[in-house]
Amino acid sequence: MKKIVNLALQGGGAHGAFAWGVIDRILEDGRIGIEGVSGTSAGSMNAVVYAYGNMLGGADGAREQLHNFWKRISELGSTLSPMPKMPWESFSLSKSTDNPLLFNMFESFTRLMSPYQFNPFNFHPLKIALNEFVDFDRLHACECSKLFLSATNVRTGKVKVFINKEITTDVVLASACLPFLFQAVEIGGEHYWDGGYMGNPSLFPLFYHTDSRDIVVVHINPIERNKVPTKAPEIFNRVNEITFNASLLKELRAVAFVNKMLDEGWLKDEHKDKLKHMLVHSIRAEKAMCDLSVASKFSTEWKFLLDLRDRGRAVAQEWIEENFKAINKRSTVDLYCEFLDIGDGN
């Protein structure tokens, strides 16, 4: 019998191929079932493509669909990436495509021009890939996967979580809408930006709408960096990582608090059934992604995406070997030690 978990998939542009690799290895292993998936940005794309592929052909269908989707992303790369590939890069043996100079130039450009100016017709190449690989009408009829996609409401500043039958191409685009690159996506009279600002990804839907107590967080943005950044690109990169980890760390703190209340009997009997002790697992990105920066989040070179996939597969394999026996039994991370630097007051 499979051990059932929920996946929480962070966003991170092209670095989402790392999460593709994690999902690919979990599906290949075959001993872990997935009940719910909460995703943001690239995590939302992985979520819907996985769910649709799983509906069509089970685990093998999901693996094939994810592979073909990311291949298509690479083919559309010239229109997806704001930074063109330099001629000499074609002869490079390096799989990393960090280009801080070009990224800084583009970042400066976005401070002068908005997507309403440089993309007035609101062309969105991601829409092409999504519509090719996901039939959302058919996906709505599928009950094999519970999906929760996050976007940020521009007007209210609050996270909006779209669930299964609410999910459309526009919802996924909203979840991945970086406001300096794309025009806000209008859904139901409200406008949305990237979900990573307020929920990267959102964990709370998994508490209330799934039966499994296990949440496997697939990190894209490194939480820790041992070196203090001193150069401008390094500082910008670290600020980006901290910003897009902030909402997740706050939710993990809430999980730790609720678990503590349940473990120590703080709640009255009539309230205990309203909460459940969550088992948290973490597939971290520090070691696998430490050589990359925010600049490479915009790279869609196929060899780079495959490299990220293979990194994700390797980390997932290591995680499965070390933690499989604990699934459905206990958390494999100490939330206080790993994510919450809380002093003892002394």
C-alpha atoms as a PDB file:
ATOM      1  CA  MET A   1       0.000   0.000   0.000  1.00  0.00           C
ATOM      2  CA  LYS A   2       1.300   3.435  -0.930  1.00  0.00           C
ATOM      3  CA  LYS A   3       2.104   6.038   1.675  1.00  0.00           C
ATOM      4  CA  ILE A   4       0.003   9.118   0.931  1.00  0.00           C
ATOM      5  CA  VAL A   5       1.413  12.645   1.156  1.00  0.00           C
ATOM      6  CA  ASN A   6       0.664  16.174   0.033  1.00  0.00           C
ATOM      7  CA  LEU A   7       3.165  18.178  -1.995  1.00  0.00           C
ATOM      8  CA  ALA A   8       3.882  21.875  -1.477  1.00  0.00           C
ATOM      9  CA  LEU A   9       5.696  23.241  -4.532  1.00  0.00           C
ATOM     10  CA  GLN A  10       7.506  26.567  -4.419  1.00  0.00           C
ATOM     11  CA  GLY A  11       7.784  28.883  -7.382  1.00  0.00           C
ATOM     12  CA  GLY A  12      11.040  30.021  -8.898  1.00  0.00           C
ATOM     13  CA  GLY A  13      10.846  30.416 -12.661  1.00  0.00           C
ATOM     14  CA  ALA A  14      13.032  27.993 -14.586  1.00  0.00           C
ATOM     15  CA  HIS A  15      14.280  26.626 -11.264  1.00  0.00           C
ATOM     16  CA  GLY A  16      10.897  24.896 -11.131  1.00  0.00           C
ATOM     17  CA  ALA A  17      12.571  22.196 -13.223  1.00  0.00           C
ATOM     18  CA  PHE A  18      14.230  21.122  -9.971  1.00  0.00           C
ATOM     19  CA  ALA A  19      10.761  20.348  -8.558  1.00  0.00           C
ATOM     20  CA  TRP A  20       9.939  18.545 -11.806  1.00  0.00           C
ATOM     21  CA  GLY A  21      12.854  16.239 -11.018  1.00  0.00           C
ATOM     22  CA  VAL A  22      11.645  15.704  -7.457  1.00  0.00           C
ATOM     23  CA  ILE A  23       8.155  14.758  -8.649  1.00  0.00           C
ATOM     24  CA  ASP A  24       9.610  12.551 -11.383  1.00  0.00           C
ATOM     25  CA  ARG A  25      11.671  10.529  -8.896  1.00  0.00           C
ATOM     26  CA  ILE A  26       8.798  10.192  -6.409  1.00  0.00           C
ATOM     27  CA  LEU A  27       6.531   8.890  -9.170  1.00  0.00           C
ATOM     28  CA  GLU A  28       9.218   6.554 -10.468  1.00  0.00           C
ATOM     29  CA  ASP A  29       9.759   5.117  -6.989  1.00  0.00           C
ATOM     30  CA  GLY A  30       6.108   4.130  -6.863  1.00  0.00           C
ATOM     31  CA  ARG A  31       5.743   3.749  -3.094  1.00  0.00           C
ATOM     32  CA  ILE A  32       4.416   7.249  -2.398  1.00  0.00           C
ATOM     33  CA  GLY A  33       0.981   8.465  -3.438  1.00  0.00           C
ATOM     34  CA  ILE A  34       0.050  12.130  -3.812  1.00  0.00           C
ATOM     35  CA  GLU A  35      -3.299  13.343  -2.490  1.00  0.00           C
ATOM     36  CA  GLY A  36      -3.036  17.127  -2.743  1.00  0.00           C
ATOM     37  CA  VAL A  37      -0.676  19.589  -4.375  1.00  0.00           C
ATOM     38  CA  SER A  38      -0.334  23.226  -3.372  1.00  0.00           C
ATOM     39  CA  GLY A  39       1.681  25.260  -5.844  1.00  0.00           C
ATOM     40  CA  THR A  40       2.753  28.759  -6.690  1.00  0.00           C
ATOM     41  CA  SER A  41       4.156  30.133  -9.946  1.00  0.00           C
ATOM     42  CA  ALA A  42       6.316  27.372 -11.473  1.00  0.00           C
ATOM     43  CA  GLY A  43       4.929  25.153  -8.726  1.00  0.00           C
ATOM     44  CA  SER A  44       1.437  25.779 -10.091  1.00  0.00           C
ATOM     45  CA  MET A  45       2.559  24.718 -13.545  1.00  0.00           C
ATOM     46  CA  ASN A  46       4.124  21.541 -12.227  1.00  0.00           C
ATOM     47  CA  ALA A  47       0.948  20.879 -10.240  1.00  0.00           C
ATOM     48  CA  VAL A  48      -1.538  21.130 -13.114  1.00  0.00           C
ATOM     49  CA  VAL A  49       0.676  19.308 -15.614  1.00  0.00           C
ATOM     50  CA  TYR A  50       1.294  16.519 -13.092  1.00  0.00           C
ATOM     51  CA  ALA A  51      -2.422  16.240 -12.290  1.00  0.00           C
ATOM     52  CA  TYR A  52      -3.489  16.156 -15.932  1.00  0.00           C
ATOM     53  CA  GLY A  53      -0.825  13.616 -16.870  1.00  0.00           C
ATOM     54  CA  ASN A  54      -1.779  11.496 -13.878  1.00  0.00           C
ATOM     55  CA  MET A  55      -5.402  11.609 -14.975  1.00  0.00           C
ATOM     56  CA  LEU A  56      -4.455  10.474 -18.481  1.00  0.00           C
ATOM     57  CA  GLY A  57      -2.003   7.726 -17.630  1.00  0.00           C
ATOM     58  CA  GLY A  58      -1.178   7.413 -13.961  1.00  0.00           C
ATOM     59  CA  ALA A  59       2.376   7.939 -12.737  1.00  0.00           C
ATOM     60  CA  ASP A  60       3.952   7.185 -16.115  1.00  0.00           C
ATOM     61  CA  GLY A  61       1.537   9.549 -17.821  1.00  0.00           C
ATOM     62  CA  ALA A  62       2.382  12.305 -15.358  1.00  0.00           C
ATOM     63  CA  ARG A  63       6.128  11.807 -15.849  1.00  0.00           C
ATOM     64  CA  GLU A  64       5.758  11.951 -19.630  1.00  0.00           C
ATOM     65  CA  GLN A  65       3.517  15.012 -19.494  1.00  0.00           C
ATOM     66  CA  LEU A  66       5.954  16.901 -17.256  1.00  0.00           C
ATOM     67  CA  HIS A  67       8.886  16.024 -19.513  1.00  0.00           C
ATOM     68  CA  ASN A  68       7.069  17.179 -22.634  1.00  0.00           C
ATOM     69  CA  PHE A  69       5.818  20.348 -20.952  1.00  0.00           C
ATOM     70  CA  TRP A  70       9.295  21.445 -19.860  1.00  0.00           C
ATOM     71  CA  LYS A  71      10.657  20.559 -23.295  1.00  0.00           C
ATOM     72  CA  ARG A  72       8.050  22.875 -24.795  1.00  0.00           C
ATOM     73  CA  ILE A  73       9.027  25.585 -22.314  1.00  0.00           C
ATOM     74  CA  SER A  74      12.566  25.277 -23.621  1.00  0.00           C
ATOM     75  CA  GLU A  75      11.388  25.511 -27.229  1.00  0.00           C
ATOM     76  CA  LEU A  76       9.467  28.669 -26.381  1.00  0.00           C
ATOM     77  CA  GLY A  77      12.505  30.010 -24.564  1.00  0.00           C
ATOM     78  CA  SER A  78      13.317  32.836 -26.925  1.00  0.00           C
ATOM     79  CA  THR A  79       9.962  34.423 -26.157  1.00  0.00           C
ATOM     80  CA  LEU A  80       9.880  33.436 -22.486  1.00  0.00           C
ATOM     81  CA  SER A  81      13.245  34.779 -21.432  1.00  0.00           C
ATOM     82  CA  PRO A  82      13.760  38.518 -21.091  1.00  0.00           C
ATOM     83  CA  MET A  83      17.495  37.959 -21.544  1.00  0.00           C
ATOM     84  CA  PRO A  84      18.686  36.711 -24.942  1.00  0.00           C
ATOM     85  CA  LYS A  85      21.415  34.115 -25.104  1.00  0.00           C
ATOM     86  CA  MET A  86      24.820  35.501 -25.986  1.00  0.00           C
ATOM     87  CA  PRO A  87      26.580  33.990 -29.047  1.00  0.00           C
ATOM     88  CA  TRP A  88      29.529  32.687 -27.030  1.00  0.00           C
ATOM     89  CA  GLU A  89      27.220  30.811 -24.669  1.00  0.00           C
ATOM     90  CA  SER A  90      26.483  28.279 -27.408  1.00  0.00           C
ATOM     91  CA  PHE A  91      30.060  27.038 -27.110  1.00  0.00           C
ATOM     92  CA  SER A  92      30.130  26.889 -23.322  1.00  0.00           C
ATOM     93  CA  LEU A  93      30.283  23.518 -21.591  1.00  0.00           C
ATOM     94  CA  SER A  94      28.752  24.981 -18.443  1.00  0.00           C
ATOM     95  CA  LYS A  95      25.205  23.950 -17.591  1.00  0.00           C
ATOM     96  CA  SER A  96      24.684  27.057 -15.471  1.00  0.00           C
ATOM     97  CA  THR A  97      23.227  30.012 -17.323  1.00  0.00           C
ATOM     98  CA  ASP A  98      23.637  32.753 -14.745  1.00  0.00           C
ATOM     99  CA  ASN A  99      24.285  36.044 -16.517  1.00  0.00           C
ATOM    100  CA  PRO A 100      24.322  38.778 -13.862  1.00  0.00           C
ATOM    101  CA  LEU A 101      25.247  41.535 -16.332  1.00  0.00           C
ATOM    102  CA  LEU A 102      22.299  40.916 -18.636  1.00  0.00           C
ATOM    103  CA  PHE A 103      19.978  40.373 -15.707  1.00  0.00           C
ATOM    104  CA  ASN A 104      21.015  43.668 -14.111  1.00  0.00           C
ATOM    105  CA  MET A 105      20.447  45.449 -17.415  1.00  0.00           C
ATOM    106  CA  PHE A 106      16.976  43.954 -17.698  1.00  0.00           C
ATOM    107  CA  GLU A 107      16.172  44.676 -14.059  1.00  0.00           C
ATOM    108  CA  SER A 108      17.110  48.324 -14.636  1.00  0.00           C
ATOM    109  CA  PHE A 109      14.969  48.391 -17.769  1.00  0.00           C
ATOM    110  CA  THR A 110      11.889  47.227 -15.822  1.00  0.00           C
ATOM    111  CA  ARG A 111      12.276  50.212 -13.514  1.00  0.00           C
ATOM    112  CA  LEU A 112      11.830  52.491 -16.507  1.00  0.00           C
ATOM    113  CA  MET A 113       9.267  50.556 -18.557  1.00  0.00           C
ATOM    114  CA  SER A 114       6.306  48.495 -17.390  1.00  0.00           C
ATOM    115  CA  PRO A 115       4.837  45.441 -19.162  1.00  0.00           C
ATOM    116  CA  TYR A 116       1.894  47.652 -20.089  1.00  0.00           C
ATOM    117  CA  GLN A 117       4.377  49.621 -22.203  1.00  0.00           C
ATOM    118  CA  PHE A 118       6.831  47.046 -23.566  1.00  0.00           C
ATOM    119  CA  ASN A 119       4.140  44.342 -24.003  1.00  0.00           C
ATOM    120  CA  PRO A 120       0.948  46.318 -24.781  1.00  0.00           C
ATOM    121  CA  PHE A 121      -0.784  43.337 -26.422  1.00  0.00           C
ATOM    122  CA  ASN A 122      -0.134  41.234 -23.314  1.00  0.00           C
ATOM    123  CA  PHE A 123       1.453  38.334 -25.187  1.00  0.00           C
ATOM    124  CA  HIS A 124       2.121  35.482 -22.761  1.00  0.00           C
ATOM    125  CA  PRO A 125       4.076  32.518 -24.184  1.00  0.00           C
ATOM    126  CA  LEU A 126       3.382  30.379 -21.115  1.00  0.00           C
ATOM    127  CA  LYS A 127      -0.267  30.319 -22.163  1.00  0.00           C
ATOM    128  CA  ILE A 128       0.751  28.437 -25.312  1.00  0.00           C
ATOM    129  CA  ALA A 129       2.470  25.653 -23.384  1.00  0.00           C
ATOM    130  CA  LEU A 130      -0.283  25.367 -20.785  1.00  0.00           C
ATOM    131  CA  ASN A 131      -3.039  25.089 -23.372  1.00  0.00           C
ATOM    132  CA  GLU A 132      -1.061  22.464 -25.277  1.00  0.00           C
ATOM    133  CA  PHE A 133      -0.509  20.197 -22.287  1.00  0.00           C
ATOM    134  CA  VAL A 134      -3.516  20.714 -20.016  1.00  0.00           C
ATOM    135  CA  ASP A 135      -7.197  20.446 -20.908  1.00  0.00           C
ATOM    136  CA  PHE A 136      -8.639  22.315 -17.952  1.00  0.00           C
ATOM    137  CA  ASP A 137     -12.233  21.287 -18.677  1.00  0.00           C
ATOM    138  CA  ARG A 138     -11.227  17.631 -18.449  1.00  0.00           C
ATOM    139  CA  LEU A 139      -9.072  18.334 -15.408  1.00  0.00           C
ATOM    140  CA  HIS A 140     -12.095  19.797 -13.602  1.00  0.00           C
ATOM    141  CA  ALA A 141     -13.819  16.415 -13.864  1.00  0.00           C
ATOM    142  CA  CYS A 142     -10.873  14.584 -12.317  1.00  0.00           C
ATOM    143  CA  GLU A 143     -11.046  13.706  -8.636  1.00  0.00           C
ATOM    144  CA  CYS A 144      -7.675  11.959  -8.454  1.00  0.00           C
ATOM    145  CA  SER A 145      -5.752  15.098  -7.446  1.00  0.00           C
ATOM    146  CA  LYS A 146      -6.622  17.976  -5.135  1.00  0.00           C
ATOM    147  CA  LEU A 147      -5.042  21.182  -6.419  1.00  0.00           C
ATOM    148  CA  PHE A 148      -4.509  24.480  -4.610  1.00  0.00           C
ATOM    149  CA  LEU A 149      -2.899  27.313  -6.578  1.00  0.00           C
ATOM    150  CA  SER A 150      -1.937  30.633  -4.997  1.00  0.00           C
ATOM    151  CA  ALA A 151      -1.995  34.133  -6.475  1.00  0.00           C
ATOM    152  CA  THR A 152      -1.701  37.570  -4.872  1.00  0.00           C
ATOM    153  CA  ASN A 153      -4.679  39.918  -5.103  1.00  0.00           C
ATOM    154  CA  VAL A 154      -3.241  43.245  -6.269  1.00  0.00           C
ATOM    155  CA  ARG A 155      -6.027  45.302  -4.692  1.00  0.00           C
ATOM    156  CA  THR A 156      -6.169  43.663  -1.258  1.00  0.00           C
ATOM    157  CA  GLY A 157      -2.641  42.324  -0.958  1.00  0.00           C
ATOM    158  CA  LYS A 158      -4.070  39.005   0.246  1.00  0.00           C
ATOM    159  CA  VAL A 159      -3.390  35.514  -1.023  1.00  0.00           C
ATOM    160  CA  LYS A 160      -6.108  33.905  -3.118  1.00  0.00           C
ATOM    161  CA  VAL A 161      -6.124  30.122  -3.315  1.00  0.00           C
ATOM    162  CA  PHE A 162      -7.870  28.629  -6.345  1.00  0.00           C
ATOM    163  CA  ILE A 163      -9.142  25.069  -5.916  1.00  0.00           C
ATOM    164  CA  ASN A 164      -9.671  22.396  -8.595  1.00  0.00           C
ATOM    165  CA  LYS A 165     -12.745  23.485 -10.595  1.00  0.00           C
ATOM    166  CA  GLU A 166     -11.762  27.148 -10.257  1.00  0.00           C
ATOM    167  CA  ILE A 167      -8.434  26.482 -11.955  1.00  0.00           C
ATOM    168  CA  THR A 168      -8.012  27.716 -15.522  1.00  0.00           C
ATOM    169  CA  THR A 169      -5.160  28.792 -17.745  1.00  0.00           C
ATOM    170  CA  ASP A 170      -5.551  32.335 -16.420  1.00  0.00           C
ATOM    171  CA  VAL A 171      -5.318  31.120 -12.818  1.00  0.00           C
ATOM    172  CA  VAL A 172      -1.962  29.466 -13.515  1.00  0.00           C
ATOM    173  CA  LEU A 173      -0.764  32.580 -15.343  1.00  0.00           C
ATOM    174  CA  ALA A 174      -1.883  34.717 -12.400  1.00  0.00           C
ATOM    175  CA  SER A 175       0.022  32.493 -10.003  1.00  0.00           C
ATOM    176  CA  ALA A 176       3.148  33.067 -12.112  1.00  0.00           C
ATOM    177  CA  CYS A 177       2.610  36.747 -12.921  1.00  0.00           C
ATOM    178  CA  LEU A 178       5.753  38.655 -12.026  1.00  0.00           C
ATOM    179  CA  PRO A 179       4.486  42.259 -12.144  1.00  0.00           C
ATOM    180  CA  PHE A 180       7.635  43.629 -13.760  1.00  0.00           C
ATOM    181  CA  LEU A 181       7.329  41.128 -16.618  1.00  0.00           C
ATOM    182  CA  PHE A 182       3.615  40.619 -17.201  1.00  0.00           C
ATOM    183  CA  GLN A 183       0.413  42.592 -16.906  1.00  0.00           C
ATOM    184  CA  ALA A 184      -1.769  41.672 -13.936  1.00  0.00           C
ATOM    185  CA  VAL A 185      -4.171  38.838 -14.728  1.00  0.00           C
ATOM    186  CA  GLU A 186      -7.860  39.660 -14.290  1.00  0.00           C
ATOM    187  CA  ILE A 187     -10.073  36.908 -12.893  1.00  0.00           C
ATOM    188  CA  GLY A 188     -13.624  37.545 -11.733  1.00  0.00           C
ATOM    189  CA  GLY A 189     -13.150  41.315 -11.656  1.00  0.00           C
ATOM    190  CA  GLU A 190      -9.996  41.143  -9.506  1.00  0.00           C
ATOM    191  CA  HIS A 191      -6.397  41.463 -10.636  1.00  0.00           C
ATOM    192  CA  TYR A 192      -3.647  39.116  -9.555  1.00  0.00           C
ATOM    193  CA  TRP A 193       0.133  38.938  -9.407  1.00  0.00           C
ATOM    194  CA  ASP A 194       2.528  36.122  -8.600  1.00  0.00           C
ATOM    195  CA  GLY A 195       1.413  34.060  -5.614  1.00  0.00           C
ATOM    196  CA  GLY A 196       4.934  33.937  -4.237  1.00  0.00           C
ATOM    197  CA  TYR A 197       4.527  37.277  -2.510  1.00  0.00           C
ATOM    198  CA  MET A 198       1.887  35.963  -0.100  1.00  0.00           C
ATOM    199  CA  GLY A 199       1.971  32.164  -0.354  1.00  0.00           C
ATOM    200  CA  ASN A 200       4.996  30.335  -1.723  1.00  0.00           C
ATOM    201  CA  PRO A 201       3.264  27.976  -1.550  1.00  0.00           C
ATOM    202  CA  SER A 202       0.216  28.169   0.704  1.00  0.00           C
ATOM    203  CA  LEU A 203       0.133  25.332   3.216  1.00  0.00           C
ATOM    204  CA  PHE A 204      -3.161  26.009   4.979  1.00  0.00           C
ATOM    205  CA  PRO A 205      -5.405  24.495   2.242  1.00  0.00           C
ATOM    206  CA  LEU A 206      -3.639  21.180   2.807  1.00  0.00           C
ATOM    207  CA  PHE A 207      -4.625  21.288   6.491  1.00  0.00           C
ATOM    208  CA  TYR A 208      -8.330  21.717   5.808  1.00  0.00           C
ATOM    209  CA  HIS A 209      -9.005  20.002   2.484  1.00  0.00           C
ATOM    210  CA  THR A 210      -6.952  16.795   2.525  1.00  0.00           C
ATOM    211  CA  ASP A 211      -6.951  13.665   4.654  1.00  0.00           C
ATOM    212  CA  SER A 212      -3.205  13.091   4.687  1.00  0.00           C
ATOM    213  CA  ARG A 213      -1.302  14.710   7.547  1.00  0.00           C
ATOM    214  CA  ASP A 214       2.000  14.613   5.657  1.00  0.00           C
ATOM    215  CA  ILE A 215       3.244  17.668   3.783  1.00  0.00           C
ATOM    216  CA  VAL A 216       6.387  17.400   1.678  1.00  0.00           C
ATOM    217  CA  VAL A 217       7.684  20.909   1.003  1.00  0.00           C
ATOM    218  CA  VAL A 218       9.763  21.060  -2.173  1.00  0.00           C
ATOM    219  CA  HIS A 219      11.969  24.110  -1.810  1.00  0.00           C
ATOM    220  CA  ILE A 220      13.267  26.046  -4.802  1.00  0.00           C
ATOM    221  CA  ASN A 221      14.737  29.069  -3.048  1.00  0.00           C
ATOM    222  CA  PRO A 222      17.592  28.279  -0.646  1.00  0.00           C
ATOM    223  CA  ILE A 223      16.688  29.298   2.889  1.00  0.00           C
ATOM    224  CA  GLU A 224      20.275  29.539   4.093  1.00  0.00           C
ATOM    225  CA  ARG A 225      23.421  30.985   2.527  1.00  0.00           C
ATOM    226  CA  ASN A 226      26.670  30.667   4.452  1.00  0.00           C
ATOM    227  CA  LYS A 227      28.324  33.651   2.790  1.00  0.00           C
ATOM    228  CA  VAL A 228      27.231  37.233   3.454  1.00  0.00           C
ATOM    229  CA  PRO A 229      26.670  38.887   0.043  1.00  0.00           C
ATOM    230  CA  THR A 230      28.754  41.986  -0.626  1.00  0.00           C
ATOM    231  CA  LYS A 231      28.360  42.514  -4.380  1.00  0.00           C
ATOM    232  CA  ALA A 232      25.236  44.092  -5.830  1.00  0.00           C
ATOM    233  CA  PRO A 233      24.069  40.999  -7.791  1.00  0.00           C
ATOM    234  CA  GLU A 234      24.650  38.794  -4.740  1.00  0.00           C
ATOM    235  CA  ILE A 235      22.661  41.145  -2.513  1.00  0.00           C
ATOM    236  CA  PHE A 236      19.791  41.314  -4.998  1.00  0.00           C
ATOM    237  CA  ASN A 237      19.784  37.530  -5.265  1.00  0.00           C
ATOM    238  CA  ARG A 238      19.698  37.050  -1.496  1.00  0.00           C
ATOM    239  CA  VAL A 239      16.886  39.592  -1.098  1.00  0.00           C
ATOM    240  CA  ASN A 240      14.927  37.694  -3.762  1.00  0.00           C
ATOM    241  CA  GLU A 241      15.395  34.406  -1.900  1.00  0.00           C
ATOM    242  CA  ILE A 242      14.432  35.846   1.471  1.00  0.00           C
ATOM    243  CA  THR A 243      11.386  37.622   0.022  1.00  0.00           C
ATOM    244  CA  PHE A 244      10.014  34.518  -1.654  1.00  0.00           C
ATOM    245  CA  ASN A 245      10.644  32.333   1.405  1.00  0.00           C
ATOM    246  CA  ALA A 246       9.019  34.705   3.906  1.00  0.00           C
ATOM    247  CA  SER A 247       5.411  33.537   3.609  1.00  0.00           C
ATOM    248  CA  LEU A 248       6.396  29.867   3.771  1.00  0.00           C
ATOM    249  CA  LEU A 249       8.433  30.357   6.930  1.00  0.00           C
ATOM    250  CA  LYS A 250       5.505  32.133   8.582  1.00  0.00           C
ATOM    251  CA  GLU A 251       3.195  29.233   7.791  1.00  0.00           C
ATOM    252  CA  LEU A 252       5.721  26.711   9.064  1.00  0.00           C
ATOM    253  CA  ARG A 253       5.849  28.678  12.294  1.00  0.00           C
ATOM    254  CA  ALA A 254       2.059  28.388  12.546  1.00  0.00           C
ATOM    255  CA  VAL A 255       2.291  24.629  11.949  1.00  0.00           C
ATOM    256  CA  ALA A 256       4.881  24.328  14.705  1.00  0.00           C
ATOM    257  CA  PHE A 257       2.659  26.302  17.093  1.00  0.00           C
ATOM    258  CA  VAL A 258      -0.444  24.187  16.413  1.00  0.00           C
ATOM    259  CA  ASN A 259       1.549  20.964  16.753  1.00  0.00           C
ATOM    260  CA  LYS A 260       2.895  22.203  20.079  1.00  0.00           C
ATOM    261  CA  MET A 261      -0.612  22.999  21.332  1.00  0.00           C
ATOM    262  CA  LEU A 262      -1.813  19.520  20.404  1.00  0.00           C
ATOM    263  CA  ASP A 263       1.236  17.748  21.834  1.00  0.00           C
ATOM    264  CA  GLU A 264       1.100  19.594  25.139  1.00  0.00           C
ATOM    265  CA  GLY A 265      -2.665  19.478  25.590  1.00  0.00           C
ATOM    266  CA  TRP A 266      -3.337  23.213  25.437  1.00  0.00           C
ATOM    267  CA  LEU A 267      -6.698  22.775  23.696  1.00  0.00           C
ATOM    268  CA  LYS A 268     -10.066  21.959  25.202  1.00  0.00           C
ATOM    269  CA  ASP A 269     -11.519  18.631  24.091  1.00  0.00           C
ATOM    270  CA  GLU A 270     -14.212  20.284  21.970  1.00  0.00           C
ATOM    271  CA  HIS A 271     -11.548  22.037  19.870  1.00  0.00           C
ATOM    272  CA  LYS A 272      -9.109  19.173  19.349  1.00  0.00           C
ATOM    273  CA  ASP A 273     -11.021  17.649  16.437  1.00  0.00           C
ATOM    274  CA  LYS A 274     -10.853  20.937  14.530  1.00  0.00           C
ATOM    275  CA  LEU A 275      -7.066  20.734  14.225  1.00  0.00           C
ATOM    276  CA  LYS A 276      -4.676  17.966  13.247  1.00  0.00           C
ATOM    277  CA  HIS A 277      -1.038  17.351  13.989  1.00  0.00           C
ATOM    278  CA  MET A 278       0.791  17.888  10.697  1.00  0.00           C
ATOM    279  CA  LEU A 279       3.801  15.810   9.719  1.00  0.00           C
ATOM    280  CA  VAL A 280       6.231  18.028   7.845  1.00  0.00           C
ATOM    281  CA  HIS A 281       8.962  16.887   5.488  1.00  0.00           C
ATOM    282  CA  SER A 282      11.363  19.087   3.585  1.00  0.00           C
ATOM    283  CA  ILE A 283      13.252  18.572   0.342  1.00  0.00           C
ATOM    284  CA  ARG A 284      15.731  21.419   0.567  1.00  0.00           C
ATOM    285  CA  ALA A 285      17.505  23.235  -2.252  1.00  0.00           C
ATOM    286  CA  GLU A 286      20.615  24.606  -0.510  1.00  0.00           C
ATOM    287  CA  LYS A 287      23.204  22.070  -1.655  1.00  0.00           C
ATOM    288  CA  ALA A 288      21.714  21.398  -5.058  1.00  0.00           C
ATOM    289  CA  MET A 289      21.022  25.025  -6.021  1.00  0.00           C
ATOM    290  CA  CYS A 290      23.723  26.974  -4.183  1.00  0.00           C
ATOM    291  CA  ASP A 291      25.647  27.747  -7.387  1.00  0.00           C
ATOM    292  CA  LEU A 292      22.635  29.440  -9.004  1.00  0.00           C
ATOM    293  CA  SER A 293      21.185  32.916  -8.639  1.00  0.00           C
ATOM    294  CA  VAL A 294      17.983  34.722  -9.535  1.00  0.00           C
ATOM    295  CA  ALA A 295      19.383  35.438 -13.019  1.00  0.00           C
ATOM    296  CA  SER A 296      19.175  31.780 -14.054  1.00  0.00           C
ATOM    297  CA  LYS A 297      15.493  31.641 -13.108  1.00  0.00           C
ATOM    298  CA  PHE A 298      14.899  33.155 -16.541  1.00  0.00           C
ATOM    299  CA  SER A 299      16.953  30.609 -18.491  1.00  0.00           C
ATOM    300  CA  THR A 300      15.116  28.020 -20.551  1.00  0.00           C
ATOM    301  CA  GLU A 301      18.070  26.254 -22.165  1.00  0.00           C
ATOM    302  CA  TRP A 302      17.156  22.571 -22.424  1.00  0.00           C
ATOM    303  CA  LYS A 303      20.476  21.296 -21.084  1.00  0.00           C
ATOM    304  CA  PHE A 304      20.046  23.603 -18.089  1.00  0.00           C
ATOM    305  CA  LEU A 305      16.484  22.440 -17.432  1.00  0.00           C
ATOM    306  CA  LEU A 306      17.600  18.811 -17.676  1.00  0.00           C
ATOM    307  CA  ASP A 307      20.423  19.525 -15.260  1.00  0.00           C
ATOM    308  CA  LEU A 308      17.943  21.011 -12.791  1.00  0.00           C
ATOM    309  CA  ARG A 309      15.669  18.005 -13.244  1.00  0.00           C
ATOM    310  CA  ASP A 310      18.555  15.659 -12.510  1.00  0.00           C
ATOM    311  CA  ARG A 311      19.481  17.669  -9.421  1.00  0.00           C
ATOM    312  CA  GLY A 312      15.898  17.346  -8.223  1.00  0.00           C
ATOM    313  CA  ARG A 313      15.880  13.605  -8.886  1.00  0.00           C
ATOM    314  CA  ALA A 314      19.106  13.136  -6.940  1.00  0.00           C
ATOM    315  CA  VAL A 315      17.896  15.124  -3.936  1.00  0.00           C
ATOM    316  CA  ALA A 316      14.549  13.295  -3.984  1.00  0.00           C
ATOM    317  CA  GLN A 317      16.308   9.938  -4.085  1.00  0.00           C
ATOM    318  CA  GLU A 318      18.421  10.888  -1.085  1.00  0.00           C
ATOM    319  CA  TRP A 319      15.338  12.098   0.773  1.00  0.00           C
ATOM    320  CA  ILE A 320      13.402   8.892   0.043  1.00  0.00           C
ATOM    321  CA  GLU A 321      16.273   6.702   1.219  1.00  0.00           C
ATOM    322  CA  GLU A 322      16.614   8.615   4.475  1.00  0.00           C
ATOM    323  CA  ASN A 323      12.972   9.317   5.290  1.00  0.00           C
ATOM    324  CA  PHE A 324      10.615   6.830   3.641  1.00  0.00           C
ATOM    325  CA  LYS A 325      10.036   4.826   6.822  1.00  0.00           C
ATOM    326  CA  ALA A 326       8.976   7.982   8.686  1.00  0.00           C
ATOM    327  CA  ILE A 327       6.242   8.974   6.211  1.00  0.00           C
ATOM    328  CA  ASN A 328       2.767   8.822   7.824  1.00  0.00           C
ATOM    329  CA  LYS A 329       4.442   8.316  11.223  1.00  0.00           C
ATOM    330  CA  ARG A 330       6.407  11.431  12.162  1.00  0.00           C
ATOM    331  CA  SER A 331       7.869  14.675  10.854  1.00  0.00           C
ATOM    332  CA  THR A 332      11.360  14.411   9.442  1.00  0.00           C
ATOM    333  CA  VAL A 333      12.254  18.023  10.145  1.00  0.00           C
ATOM    334  CA  ASP A 334      12.434  19.906  13.420  1.00  0.00           C
ATOM    335  CA  LEU A 335      10.541  23.055  12.506  1.00  0.00           C
ATOM    336  CA  TYR A 336      11.980  25.076  15.364  1.00  0.00           C
ATOM    337  CA  CYS A 337      15.590  24.138  14.666  1.00  0.00           C
ATOM    338  CA  GLU A 338      15.561  24.228  10.876  1.00  0.00           C
ATOM    339  CA  PHE A 339      13.231  27.095  10.031  1.00  0.00           C
ATOM    340  CA  LEU A 340      12.489  29.153  13.134  1.00  0.00           C
ATOM    341  CA  ASP A 341      15.369  30.924  14.813  1.00  0.00           C
ATOM    342  CA  ILE A 342      13.584  31.649  18.089  1.00  0.00           C
ATOM    343  CA  GLY A 343      15.695  32.646  21.075  1.00  0.00           C
ATOM    344  CA  ASP A 344      15.104  31.303  24.558  1.00  0.00           C
ATOM    345  CA  GLY A 345      14.880  34.787  26.053  1.00  0.00           C
ATOM    346  CA  ASN A 346      18.103  34.457  28.041  1.00  0.00           C
END
